[in-house]
Amino acid sequence: MMKNILLLALNDLAIAYKNKTFFLILFIPLFVFVSLSLVDGNNTPASTIKIGLIQDDAYTPEFINSIKASSELVVVTWVRNEQDGIRLLKEHQIDGMLIANSDASGRLTLQVVKKDAFHTIAIVQSFSALQKTAQGTSPDWIANISSLNQGGVQRETLPTWILMLVLLIGFIILPAQVAEEKEKRLLLALLQTPIHEVQWLIAKLILGMVLIITAVLLLHLLGKFGPVHLFDYIVLILVGSYCFSAYGICLGFLCRNQASARTLGVIFYLPHLLPSAMSDVSQKLTAIAPFLPSFQLYEPLQSILLEDGRMADMAFDWIYLFLLGTLMFYFSYRLMKRRWLM
């Protein structure tokens, strides 16, 4: 009996090795280790803070002198009024804006895009240190923090949930379905009929886009979320679903069976999700995330849902997603023509 159990266990391990499950076991701890090493620690060097000040506001002499003495740490941009500063904030040309606090004389209100972003934490810590150096134990210059994103925690996390849904369908569901049709020889059978390769690919692309749009729509209906600019939002979701559906189809063609497709999907899923979703809380991840295709979807989602952004200001992002999706569609077509791993 023990011999049979041992043989069955060894057989299962051999199958796990053949379908790349061991690669997943090795990849996830390695990815977690690399991700944690990229998260800002206590010894992260201070970066330059870009702060906006209003020309007609009366700032205390101690405050102005401290800023002038810390020119290497704080870069000041003088704006004409609060509206001009908010525009620069939305365009990410400054990290925050300090305006006079009406409820506390001599103290300030920090205006930022998002309260829990690492830029906000850096500003508060830096100005607290400057204040203690200049005035000792006096109250902090920053009395309160005001955020442009007024939708609450549920609204602020919405872009992350949408990105997770898009990547889940694009990198987990679609590759497994494509690999299943290859593994069961269904695709080869279809290609013996008058159906052309492009027709099959377009059908799979439509499937992925419909699944993504349905999931996002259901999320909005359950959470009662409504985007500010509906047309711009719909166009972004369509382009994003097109890109990552084509991406997922291409991954499916690289695998021989469903198990391999799921493993490869997870290997692509995590690096596309976590750096983009955590880019607001880590300086290192903020530098890395823009190189990922997922960030070109995540950043416009944040802008439209949280910052009243428009598609006209995101030309690079949606053109990038469209071109990447078209490239992946072409790669899928070439692999299909070669009958790759069929």
Protein backbone atom coordinates (compact mmCIF):
# COMPACT_ATOMS: atom_id res chain seq x y z
CA MET A 1 0.00 0.00 0.00
CA MET A 2 2.75 2.44 0.90
CA LYS A 3 4.43 1.68 -2.41
CA ASN A 4 1.30 2.61 -4.32
CA ILE A 5 0.87 5.82 -2.33
CA LEU A 6 4.51 6.74 -2.97
CA LEU A 7 4.18 6.05 -6.70
CA LEU A 8 1.01 8.13 -6.93
CA ALA A 9 2.64 11.01 -5.02
CA LEU A 10 5.70 10.92 -7.27
CA ASN A 11 3.42 10.84 -10.31
CA ASP A 12 1.56 13.93 -9.05
CA LEU A 13 4.87 15.73 -8.47
CA ALA A 14 5.98 14.83 -11.97
CA ILE A 15 2.74 16.21 -13.40
CA ALA A 16 3.16 19.38 -11.33
CA TYR A 17 6.65 19.77 -12.76
CA LYS A 18 5.46 19.12 -16.32
CA ASN A 19 2.61 21.64 -16.18
CA LYS A 20 4.86 24.33 -14.65
CA THR A 21 3.17 24.38 -11.22
CA PHE A 22 6.62 24.30 -9.58
CA PHE A 23 7.48 27.51 -11.42
CA LEU A 24 4.51 29.17 -9.71
CA ILE A 25 5.62 27.92 -6.30
CA LEU A 26 9.07 29.40 -6.86
CA PHE A 27 7.81 32.61 -8.48
CA ILE A 28 5.34 33.81 -5.83
CA PRO A 29 7.80 33.93 -2.87
CA LEU A 30 10.42 35.53 -5.12
CA PHE A 31 7.92 38.14 -6.34
CA VAL A 32 6.77 38.92 -2.78
CA PHE A 33 10.41 39.35 -1.70
CA VAL A 34 11.18 41.72 -4.59
CA SER A 35 7.97 43.70 -4.01
CA LEU A 36 8.68 44.15 -0.31
CA SER A 37 12.20 45.31 -1.10
CA LEU A 38 10.75 48.00 -3.38
CA VAL A 39 8.38 49.35 -0.73
CA ASP A 40 9.81 52.44 0.94
CA GLY A 41 11.47 51.71 4.27
CA ASN A 42 12.50 53.87 7.18
CA ASN A 43 15.88 54.61 5.63
CA THR A 44 14.51 55.79 2.29
CA PRO A 45 16.33 58.99 1.29
CA ALA A 46 14.19 62.12 1.15
CA SER A 47 13.23 63.26 -2.33
CA THR A 48 12.55 66.77 -3.54
CA ILE A 49 9.07 68.02 -2.70
CA LYS A 50 7.29 70.22 -5.22
CA ILE A 51 5.00 72.54 -3.28
CA GLY A 52 2.68 75.29 -4.51
CA LEU A 53 2.21 78.59 -2.66
CA ILE A 54 -0.39 81.25 -3.45
CA GLN A 55 1.07 84.67 -4.24
CA ASP A 56 -1.45 86.74 -2.28
CA ASP A 57 -1.55 84.54 0.85
CA ALA A 58 0.21 85.83 3.95
CA TYR A 59 2.76 83.24 5.10
CA THR A 60 4.74 83.75 8.31
CA PRO A 61 8.37 84.93 8.00
CA GLU A 62 9.60 81.79 9.81
CA PHE A 63 7.84 79.63 7.25
CA ILE A 64 9.25 81.50 4.24
CA ASN A 65 12.77 81.60 5.69
CA SER A 66 12.70 77.86 6.44
CA ILE A 67 11.67 77.09 2.86
CA LYS A 68 14.40 79.31 1.44
CA ALA A 69 16.96 77.59 3.65
CA SER A 70 15.76 74.17 2.46
CA SER A 71 15.80 74.79 -1.29
CA GLU A 72 17.35 71.36 -1.91
CA LEU A 73 14.41 69.66 -0.19
CA VAL A 74 11.48 71.91 -1.14
CA VAL A 75 10.92 73.37 -4.61
CA VAL A 76 8.36 76.19 -4.51
CA THR A 77 6.01 77.07 -7.35
CA TRP A 78 4.13 80.34 -6.87
CA VAL A 79 0.58 80.25 -8.23
CA ARG A 80 -1.85 83.12 -8.81
CA ASN A 81 -4.80 81.60 -6.97
CA GLU A 82 -6.17 78.37 -5.55
CA GLN A 83 -7.75 77.33 -8.88
CA ASP A 84 -4.39 77.63 -10.63
CA GLY A 85 -2.79 75.47 -7.94
CA ILE A 86 -5.53 72.81 -8.25
CA ARG A 87 -4.89 72.69 -11.99
CA LEU A 88 -1.18 72.04 -11.38
CA LEU A 89 -2.09 69.36 -8.82
CA LYS A 90 -4.31 67.54 -11.33
CA GLU A 91 -1.53 67.72 -13.92
CA HIS A 92 0.91 66.31 -11.29
CA GLN A 93 3.27 69.28 -11.74
CA ILE A 94 3.28 69.85 -7.97
CA ASP A 95 2.89 67.41 -5.06
CA GLY A 96 0.78 69.69 -2.87
CA MET A 97 -0.37 73.26 -2.26
CA LEU A 98 -0.30 75.17 1.04
CA ILE A 99 -3.03 77.73 1.64
CA ALA A 100 -3.89 79.86 4.66
CA ASN A 101 -6.11 78.13 7.23
CA SER A 102 -9.15 80.27 8.08
CA ASP A 103 -9.67 78.55 11.44
CA ALA A 104 -6.10 78.78 12.77
CA SER A 105 -4.05 81.94 12.47
CA GLY A 106 -0.53 81.35 11.17
CA ARG A 107 -1.27 77.74 10.27
CA LEU A 108 -1.87 76.21 6.85
CA THR A 109 -4.06 73.74 4.99
CA LEU A 110 -2.33 71.23 2.75
CA GLN A 111 -4.18 70.59 -0.50
CA VAL A 112 -3.23 67.29 -2.17
CA VAL A 113 -4.65 64.92 -4.76
CA LYS A 114 -4.84 61.90 -2.44
CA LYS A 115 -4.38 61.80 1.33
CA ASP A 116 -2.77 58.36 1.56
CA ALA A 117 -0.23 58.94 -1.24
CA PHE A 118 3.45 58.84 -0.30
CA HIS A 119 3.84 62.46 -1.53
CA THR A 120 1.39 63.59 1.17
CA ILE A 121 3.26 61.69 3.88
CA ALA A 122 6.58 63.15 2.70
CA ILE A 123 5.21 66.72 2.73
CA VAL A 124 3.80 66.43 6.26
CA GLN A 125 6.97 64.85 7.64
CA SER A 126 9.27 67.36 5.93
CA PHE A 127 7.37 70.46 7.03
CA SER A 128 7.00 69.09 10.56
CA ALA A 129 10.80 68.74 10.72
CA LEU A 130 11.30 72.25 9.30
CA GLN A 131 8.83 73.71 11.80
CA LYS A 132 10.55 72.07 14.78
CA THR A 133 13.91 73.39 13.59
CA ALA A 134 12.58 76.94 13.18
CA GLN A 135 10.15 77.26 16.11
CA GLY A 136 10.79 74.34 18.42
CA THR A 137 7.63 73.08 20.11
CA SER A 138 5.14 75.44 18.42
CA PRO A 139 2.08 73.88 16.72
CA ASP A 140 2.77 72.37 13.33
CA TRP A 141 2.36 74.68 10.35
CA ILE A 142 0.00 72.21 8.64
CA ALA A 143 -3.29 72.27 10.54
CA ASN A 144 -5.23 69.92 8.28
CA ILE A 145 -5.11 68.14 4.94
CA SER A 146 -7.64 68.58 2.15
CA SER A 147 -7.87 66.07 -0.70
CA LEU A 148 -9.20 66.58 -4.22
CA ASN A 149 -10.55 63.03 -4.06
CA GLN A 150 -13.69 63.47 -2.02
CA GLY A 151 -15.32 60.11 -2.77
CA GLY A 152 -14.33 58.33 0.42
CA VAL A 153 -12.39 55.11 0.86
CA GLN A 154 -14.75 53.06 -1.32
CA ARG A 155 -14.42 55.47 -4.22
CA GLU A 156 -10.65 55.78 -3.85
CA THR A 157 -10.17 52.01 -4.03
CA LEU A 158 -12.41 51.66 -7.10
CA PRO A 159 -9.58 52.00 -9.69
CA THR A 160 -7.69 49.17 -7.97
CA TRP A 161 -10.72 46.86 -8.03
CA ILE A 162 -11.38 47.62 -11.70
CA LEU A 163 -7.74 46.96 -12.58
CA MET A 164 -7.92 43.66 -10.67
CA LEU A 165 -11.01 42.58 -12.64
CA VAL A 166 -9.49 43.50 -15.99
CA LEU A 167 -6.24 41.65 -15.26
CA LEU A 168 -8.05 38.65 -13.76
CA ILE A 169 -10.03 38.11 -16.94
CA GLY A 170 -7.15 38.98 -19.25
CA PHE A 171 -4.41 36.95 -17.55
CA ILE A 172 -6.26 34.09 -15.81
CA ILE A 173 -9.56 33.31 -17.54
CA LEU A 174 -8.78 33.92 -21.22
CA PRO A 175 -5.40 32.12 -21.38
CA ALA A 176 -6.89 29.06 -19.69
CA GLN A 177 -9.80 28.97 -22.14
CA VAL A 178 -7.53 29.31 -25.18
CA ALA A 179 -5.23 26.59 -23.84
CA GLU A 180 -8.22 24.34 -23.14
CA GLU A 181 -9.36 24.52 -26.76
CA LYS A 182 -5.82 23.70 -27.87
CA GLU A 183 -5.44 20.87 -25.34
CA LYS A 184 -8.73 19.21 -26.37
CA ARG A 185 -7.99 19.69 -30.09
CA LEU A 186 -11.15 21.76 -30.46
CA LEU A 187 -9.25 24.57 -32.15
CA LEU A 188 -7.72 22.28 -34.76
CA ALA A 189 -11.15 20.87 -35.49
CA LEU A 190 -12.60 24.36 -35.97
CA LEU A 191 -9.79 25.28 -38.34
CA GLN A 192 -10.78 22.37 -40.60
CA THR A 193 -14.06 24.19 -41.25
CA PRO A 194 -14.44 27.41 -43.31
CA ILE A 195 -13.75 29.43 -40.13
CA HIS A 196 -10.68 31.64 -40.60
CA GLU A 197 -8.04 32.26 -37.92
CA VAL A 198 -8.90 35.96 -37.71
CA GLN A 199 -12.57 35.17 -37.15
CA TRP A 200 -11.75 32.91 -34.22
CA LEU A 201 -9.42 35.53 -32.72
CA ILE A 202 -11.99 38.31 -33.04
CA ALA A 203 -14.60 36.10 -31.37
CA LYS A 204 -12.24 35.43 -28.44
CA LEU A 205 -11.44 39.16 -28.27
CA ILE A 206 -15.16 39.98 -28.09
CA LEU A 207 -15.58 37.37 -25.35
CA GLY A 208 -12.85 38.95 -23.22
CA MET A 209 -14.18 42.47 -23.74
CA VAL A 210 -17.75 41.45 -22.90
CA LEU A 211 -16.60 39.69 -19.71
CA ILE A 212 -14.56 42.71 -18.60
CA ILE A 213 -17.30 45.24 -19.36
CA THR A 214 -19.92 43.08 -17.60
CA ALA A 215 -17.73 42.73 -14.49
CA VAL A 216 -17.02 46.47 -14.34
CA LEU A 217 -20.68 47.34 -14.91
CA LEU A 218 -21.77 44.97 -12.14
CA LEU A 219 -19.21 46.52 -9.79
CA HIS A 220 -20.64 49.98 -10.47
CA LEU A 221 -24.23 48.82 -10.03
CA LEU A 222 -23.51 47.11 -6.71
CA GLY A 223 -21.44 50.01 -5.37
CA LYS A 224 -23.66 52.72 -6.92
CA PHE A 225 -20.60 54.40 -8.39
CA GLY A 226 -21.05 56.86 -11.24
CA PRO A 227 -18.08 58.29 -13.18
CA VAL A 228 -17.98 62.02 -13.79
CA HIS A 229 -17.35 61.82 -17.56
CA LEU A 230 -19.27 58.78 -18.80
CA PHE A 231 -18.15 58.85 -22.43
CA ASP A 232 -14.45 59.15 -21.55
CA TYR A 233 -14.82 56.35 -19.00
CA ILE A 234 -16.52 53.99 -21.48
CA VAL A 235 -13.83 54.63 -24.11
CA LEU A 236 -11.07 53.90 -21.58
CA ILE A 237 -12.71 50.63 -20.46
CA LEU A 238 -13.16 49.56 -24.10
CA VAL A 239 -9.53 50.27 -24.98
CA GLY A 240 -8.29 48.61 -21.78
CA SER A 241 -10.43 45.51 -22.29
CA TYR A 242 -9.26 45.27 -25.90
CA CYS A 243 -5.61 45.49 -24.87
CA PHE A 244 -5.67 42.93 -22.05
CA SER A 245 -8.01 40.53 -23.86
CA ALA A 246 -5.56 40.40 -26.76
CA TYR A 247 -2.74 40.04 -24.22
CA GLY A 248 -4.48 37.08 -22.58
CA ILE A 249 -5.15 35.34 -25.90
CA CYS A 250 -1.48 35.62 -26.77
CA LEU A 251 -0.49 34.09 -23.42
CA GLY A 252 -2.90 31.23 -24.03
CA PHE A 253 -1.17 30.39 -27.31
CA LEU A 254 2.17 30.16 -25.54
CA CYS A 255 0.91 27.23 -23.41
CA ARG A 256 0.14 23.63 -24.26
CA ASN A 257 -2.52 23.00 -21.59
CA GLN A 258 -4.76 24.71 -19.04
CA ALA A 259 -2.46 24.16 -16.07
CA SER A 260 0.45 25.85 -17.83
CA ALA A 261 -1.83 28.71 -18.90
CA ARG A 262 -3.01 29.34 -15.34
CA THR A 263 0.57 29.29 -14.07
CA LEU A 264 1.76 31.71 -16.74
CA GLY A 265 -1.29 33.88 -16.12
CA VAL A 266 -0.50 34.27 -12.41
CA ILE A 267 3.14 35.03 -13.25
CA PHE A 268 1.94 37.93 -15.41
CA TYR A 269 -1.01 38.90 -13.18
CA LEU A 270 0.82 39.75 -9.96
CA PRO A 271 3.58 41.97 -11.43
CA HIS A 272 0.97 43.93 -13.40
CA LEU A 273 -1.38 44.37 -10.44
CA LEU A 274 0.69 45.12 -7.34
CA PRO A 275 3.21 47.77 -8.55
CA SER A 276 0.43 49.83 -10.17
CA ALA A 277 -1.99 49.48 -7.25
CA MET A 278 0.73 50.31 -4.68
CA SER A 279 2.37 53.11 -6.67
CA ASP A 280 0.71 55.78 -4.47
CA VAL A 281 2.41 54.55 -1.30
CA SER A 282 5.95 53.90 -2.46
CA GLN A 283 8.46 56.14 -4.17
CA LYS A 284 10.29 53.19 -5.73
CA LEU A 285 7.12 51.61 -7.08
CA THR A 286 6.07 54.98 -8.47
CA ALA A 287 9.24 54.97 -10.55
CA ILE A 288 8.74 51.37 -11.74
CA ALA A 289 4.96 51.26 -12.33
CA PRO A 290 4.89 53.53 -15.46
CA PHE A 291 6.86 50.88 -17.37
CA LEU A 292 3.98 48.38 -16.95
CA PRO A 293 1.02 48.32 -19.38
CA SER A 294 -1.37 48.06 -16.43
CA PHE A 295 -0.29 51.49 -15.16
CA GLN A 296 -1.41 53.06 -18.46
CA LEU A 297 -4.90 51.86 -17.53
CA TYR A 298 -4.72 52.44 -13.77
CA GLU A 299 -3.57 56.07 -13.89
CA PRO A 300 -6.35 57.23 -16.30
CA LEU A 301 -8.88 55.33 -14.17
CA GLN A 302 -7.74 57.30 -11.14
CA SER A 303 -7.86 60.55 -13.07
CA ILE A 304 -11.39 60.04 -14.42
CA LEU A 305 -12.96 58.52 -11.30
CA LEU A 306 -11.20 60.60 -8.65
CA GLU A 307 -9.81 63.76 -10.23
CA ASP A 308 -12.42 64.77 -12.82
CA GLY A 309 -9.99 63.93 -15.65
CA ARG A 310 -10.74 63.77 -19.37
CA MET A 311 -9.56 61.44 -22.13
CA ALA A 312 -8.18 64.39 -24.08
CA ASP A 313 -5.46 64.69 -21.41
CA MET A 314 -4.58 60.97 -21.64
CA ALA A 315 -3.77 60.56 -25.33
CA PHE A 316 -0.54 58.67 -24.65
CA ASP A 317 -2.24 56.16 -22.35
CA TRP A 318 -5.09 55.05 -24.60
CA ILE A 319 -2.94 55.09 -27.75
CA TYR A 320 -0.37 52.94 -25.91
CA LEU A 321 -3.06 50.46 -24.82
CA PHE A 322 -4.55 50.28 -28.32
CA LEU A 323 -1.19 49.72 -30.00
CA LEU A 324 -0.14 47.09 -27.45
CA GLY A 325 -3.44 45.26 -27.91
CA THR A 326 -3.02 45.34 -31.69
CA LEU A 327 0.53 44.01 -31.38
CA MET A 328 -0.62 41.15 -29.13
CA PHE A 329 -3.45 40.36 -31.56
CA TYR A 330 -0.91 40.14 -34.38
CA PHE A 331 1.37 37.85 -32.34
CA SER A 332 -1.63 35.61 -31.58
CA TYR A 333 -2.45 35.45 -35.28
CA ARG A 334 1.11 34.45 -36.17
CA LEU A 335 1.17 31.75 -33.48
CA MET A 336 -2.18 30.45 -34.69
CA LYS A 337 -1.00 30.30 -38.31
CA ARG A 338 2.01 28.23 -37.18
CA ARG A 339 -0.28 25.95 -35.16
CA TRP A 340 1.89 26.66 -32.12
CA LEU A 341 1.82 23.75 -29.61
CA MET A 342 -1.35 22.31 -31.21
